[in-house]
């Protein structure tokens, strides 16, 4: 795996995480994918998916609060 793919999720933006997920998906879809890396790719993808889900949930909650403030005015 590339250095970029192994970065911790705390250092990533949502866009970077999605790009890494797309790269991992491409690797997994490649018929020449090294079977020895399959577990590592899957593990990294799971970590990235959790990160993205958390980021989306946080953003949704923040937007709901902002919209609620508009309703209160």
C-alpha atoms as a PDB file:
ATOM      1  CA  UNK A   1       0.000   0.000   0.000  1.00  0.00           C
ATOM      2  CA  UNK A   2       1.135   3.517  -0.643  1.00  0.00           C
ATOM      3  CA  UNK A   3       2.160   5.880   2.151  1.00  0.00           C
ATOM      4  CA  UNK A   4      -0.872   8.019   1.325  1.00  0.00           C
ATOM      5  CA  UNK A   5      -3.199   5.076   1.882  1.00  0.00           C
ATOM      6  CA  UNK A   6      -1.717   4.313   5.277  1.00  0.00           C
ATOM      7  CA  UNK A   7      -2.141   7.823   6.750  1.00  0.00           C
ATOM      8  CA  UNK A   8      -4.149   7.966   9.936  1.00  0.00           C
ATOM      9  CA  UNK A   9      -7.688   9.194   9.483  1.00  0.00           C
ATOM     10  CA  UNK A  10      -7.129  12.073  11.941  1.00  0.00           C
ATOM     11  CA  UNK A  11      -4.887  13.718   9.334  1.00  0.00           C
ATOM     12  CA  UNK A  12      -7.416  13.422   6.516  1.00  0.00           C
ATOM     13  CA  UNK A  13     -10.196  15.520   5.161  1.00  0.00           C
ATOM     14  CA  UNK A  14     -13.415  13.860   4.082  1.00  0.00           C
ATOM     15  CA  UNK A  15     -12.445  14.398   0.425  1.00  0.00           C
ATOM     16  CA  UNK A  16      -9.043  12.778   0.924  1.00  0.00           C
ATOM     17  CA  UNK A  17     -10.629   9.794   2.672  1.00  0.00           C
ATOM     18  CA  UNK A  18     -13.089   9.334  -0.193  1.00  0.00           C
ATOM     19  CA  UNK A  19     -10.250   9.488  -2.707  1.00  0.00           C
ATOM     20  CA  UNK A  20      -8.375   6.808  -0.792  1.00  0.00           C
ATOM     21  CA  UNK A  21     -11.507   4.658  -0.717  1.00  0.00           C
ATOM     22  CA  UNK A  22     -11.789   4.998  -4.492  1.00  0.00           C
ATOM     23  CA  UNK A  23      -8.140   3.953  -4.862  1.00  0.00           C
ATOM     24  CA  UNK A  24      -8.630   0.942  -2.591  1.00  0.00           C
ATOM     25  CA  UNK A  25     -11.732  -0.038  -4.547  1.00  0.00           C
ATOM     26  CA  UNK A  26      -9.739   0.103  -7.778  1.00  0.00           C
ATOM     27  CA  UNK A  27      -7.065  -2.138  -6.245  1.00  0.00           C
ATOM     28  CA  UNK A  28      -9.663  -4.632  -5.051  1.00  0.00           C
ATOM     29  CA  UNK A  29     -11.354  -4.728  -8.455  1.00  0.00           C
ATOM     30  CA  UNK A  30      -8.059  -5.346 -10.233  1.00  0.00           C
ATOM     31  CA  UNK A  31      -7.824  -9.036 -11.168  1.00  0.00           C
ATOM     32  CA  UNK A  32      -4.088  -8.813 -10.413  1.00  0.00           C
ATOM     33  CA  UNK A  33      -4.692  -7.615  -6.849  1.00  0.00           C
ATOM     34  CA  UNK A  34      -2.122  -9.171  -4.539  1.00  0.00           C
ATOM     35  CA  UNK A  35      -4.084 -11.534  -2.301  1.00  0.00           C
ATOM     36  CA  UNK A  36      -1.602 -10.860   0.494  1.00  0.00           C
ATOM     37  CA  UNK A  37      -2.696  -7.203   0.526  1.00  0.00           C
ATOM     38  CA  UNK A  38      -6.428  -7.961   0.482  1.00  0.00           C
ATOM     39  CA  UNK A  39      -6.704  -7.959   4.279  1.00  0.00           C
ATOM     40  CA  UNK A  40      -4.737  -4.696   4.564  1.00  0.00           C
ATOM     41  CA  UNK A  41      -6.864  -2.987   1.906  1.00  0.00           C
ATOM     42  CA  UNK A  42     -10.057  -4.161   3.591  1.00  0.00           C
ATOM     43  CA  UNK A  43      -8.854  -3.042   7.027  1.00  0.00           C
ATOM     44  CA  UNK A  44      -7.892   0.398   5.715  1.00  0.00           C
ATOM     45  CA  UNK A  45     -11.196   0.728   3.850  1.00  0.00           C
ATOM     46  CA  UNK A  46     -13.135  -0.064   7.028  1.00  0.00           C
ATOM     47  CA  UNK A  47     -11.210   2.582   8.945  1.00  0.00           C
ATOM     48  CA  UNK A  48     -11.854   5.143   6.206  1.00  0.00           C
ATOM     49  CA  UNK A  49     -15.563   4.253   6.064  1.00  0.00           C
ATOM     50  CA  UNK A  50     -15.902   4.739   9.817  1.00  0.00           C
ATOM     51  CA  UNK A  51     -14.122   8.089   9.547  1.00  0.00           C
ATOM     52  CA  UNK A  52     -16.412   9.232   6.706  1.00  0.00           C
ATOM     53  CA  UNK A  53     -19.531   8.111   8.546  1.00  0.00           C
ATOM     54  CA  UNK A  54     -18.475  10.013  11.662  1.00  0.00           C
ATOM     55  CA  UNK A  55     -17.659  13.126   9.643  1.00  0.00           C
ATOM     56  CA  UNK A  56     -21.030  12.995   7.862  1.00  0.00           C
ATOM     57  CA  UNK A  57     -22.884  12.519  11.136  1.00  0.00           C
ATOM     58  CA  UNK A  58     -21.045  15.447  12.743  1.00  0.00           C
ATOM     59  CA  UNK A  59     -21.748  17.674   9.761  1.00  0.00           C
ATOM     60  CA  UNK A  60     -25.419  16.697   9.768  1.00  0.00           C
ATOM     61  CA  UNK A  61     -25.736  17.544  13.467  1.00  0.00           C
ATOM     62  CA  UNK A  62     -23.969  20.889  13.005  1.00  0.00           C
ATOM     63  CA  UNK A  63     -26.221  21.799  10.079  1.00  0.00           C
ATOM     64  CA  UNK A  64     -29.337  20.881  12.061  1.00  0.00           C
ATOM     65  CA  UNK A  65     -28.193  23.178  14.894  1.00  0.00           C
ATOM     66  CA  UNK A  66     -27.553  26.027  12.467  1.00  0.00           C
ATOM     67  CA  UNK A  67     -30.942  25.569  10.835  1.00  0.00           C
ATOM     68  CA  UNK A  68     -32.612  25.437  14.261  1.00  0.00           C
ATOM     69  CA  UNK A  69     -30.990  28.790  15.052  1.00  0.00           C
ATOM     70  CA  UNK A  70     -32.604  30.220  11.916  1.00  0.00           C
ATOM     71  CA  UNK A  71     -36.005  28.935  13.035  1.00  0.00           C
ATOM     72  CA  UNK A  72     -35.521  30.563  16.452  1.00  0.00           C
ATOM     73  CA  UNK A  73     -34.987  34.013  14.962  1.00  0.00           C
END
